[in-house]
Amino acid sequence: MPKLKTNSGVKKRFKVTGSGKVKAQAAGKRHGMIKRTAKFVRNARGTMVLSDPDIKRVKQWMPYSRKARKHKPTAATATATTTK
């Protein structure tokens, strides 16, 4: 089986968190900030987590990205489920 290639545009634009969510920069902040409202510019600051349908599409192009972590049951949760 050959190695799968990650889309180079996707690896530059998105980061996968430890829990498997995808972070992306806000859209619409390249130029023309004068005509945008202050609220738009303020809300478009930083990064945001994509919605589930968008995550599904982005992960198709990132075959080796982190998958969602499986949480191991700790001793506290294991005893809580058995005592019920």
Protein backbone atom coordinates (compact mmCIF):
# COMPACT_ATOMS: atom_id res chain seq x y z
CA MET A 1 0.00 0.00 0.00
CA PRO A 2 1.57 3.33 -1.02
CA LYS A 3 1.85 6.26 1.35
CA LEU A 4 -1.00 8.76 1.18
CA LYS A 5 -0.19 12.40 0.52
CA THR A 6 -1.47 15.17 2.75
CA ASN A 7 -2.89 18.11 0.80
CA SER A 8 -0.25 20.84 1.16
CA GLY A 9 -2.82 23.64 1.28
CA VAL A 10 -4.65 21.96 4.13
CA LYS A 11 -1.56 21.36 6.23
CA LYS A 12 -0.74 25.09 6.02
CA ARG A 13 -4.23 26.28 6.96
CA PHE A 14 -5.43 23.87 9.65
CA LYS A 15 -4.13 22.35 12.90
CA VAL A 16 -5.56 19.29 14.65
CA THR A 17 -5.94 19.50 18.41
CA GLY A 18 -5.16 16.66 20.78
CA SER A 19 -8.83 15.72 21.02
CA GLY A 20 -9.15 15.50 17.23
CA LYS A 21 -10.87 18.82 16.57
CA VAL A 22 -9.63 21.06 13.75
CA LYS A 23 -8.60 24.69 14.33
CA ALA A 24 -8.58 27.30 11.56
CA GLN A 25 -8.01 31.02 11.19
CA ALA A 26 -11.03 33.28 10.80
CA ALA A 27 -11.99 34.18 7.24
CA GLY A 28 -12.18 37.70 5.82
CA LYS A 29 -9.19 39.31 7.54
CA ARG A 30 -6.71 39.72 4.66
CA HIS A 31 -7.58 43.26 3.58
CA GLY A 32 -10.36 45.85 3.70
CA MET A 33 -10.60 46.17 7.49
CA ILE A 34 -11.70 49.81 7.11
CA LYS A 35 -15.08 48.85 5.68
CA ARG A 36 -15.67 45.99 8.14
CA THR A 37 -17.49 46.63 11.39
CA ALA A 38 -15.47 46.70 14.59
CA LYS A 39 -17.53 43.76 15.86
CA PHE A 40 -16.58 41.64 12.83
CA VAL A 41 -12.87 42.44 13.16
CA ARG A 42 -12.96 41.70 16.89
CA ASN A 43 -14.82 38.39 16.49
CA ALA A 44 -12.57 37.26 13.64
CA ARG A 45 -9.46 37.48 15.81
CA GLY A 46 -7.41 34.34 16.46
CA THR A 47 -8.46 30.79 15.64
CA MET A 48 -11.70 28.87 15.94
CA VAL A 49 -12.77 25.23 15.96
CA LEU A 50 -14.53 24.04 12.81
CA SER A 51 -17.98 22.45 12.82
CA ASP A 52 -18.34 18.67 12.56
CA PRO A 53 -19.24 18.54 8.83
CA ASP A 54 -16.26 20.78 8.03
CA ILE A 55 -13.94 18.66 10.19
CA LYS A 56 -15.00 15.60 8.23
CA ARG A 57 -14.11 17.28 4.91
CA VAL A 58 -10.76 18.63 6.11
CA LYS A 59 -9.67 15.29 7.59
CA GLN A 60 -10.14 13.61 4.20
CA TRP A 61 -7.11 15.58 3.04
CA MET A 62 -5.09 14.88 6.21
CA PRO A 63 -4.70 11.10 6.30
CA TYR A 64 -2.06 11.10 9.05
CA SER A 65 -3.62 13.67 11.38
CA ARG A 66 -4.42 12.84 14.98
CA LYS A 67 -7.62 10.95 15.47
CA ALA A 68 -9.93 11.63 18.40
CA ARG A 69 -8.42 10.26 21.58
CA LYS A 70 -10.08 7.37 23.30
CA HIS A 71 -10.45 8.14 26.99
CA LYS A 72 -9.21 5.37 29.20
CA PRO A 73 -11.52 4.65 32.14
CA THR A 74 -9.90 5.83 35.34
CA ALA A 75 -10.30 4.08 38.67
CA ALA A 76 -12.87 6.64 39.84
CA THR A 77 -15.10 6.20 36.79
CA ALA A 78 -14.71 2.44 36.76
CA THR A 79 -15.91 2.13 40.38
CA ALA A 80 -18.74 4.61 39.80
CA THR A 81 -20.13 2.58 36.91
CA THR A 82 -19.88 -0.75 38.75
CA THR A 83 -21.58 0.48 41.94
CA LYS A 84 -24.70 1.76 40.14
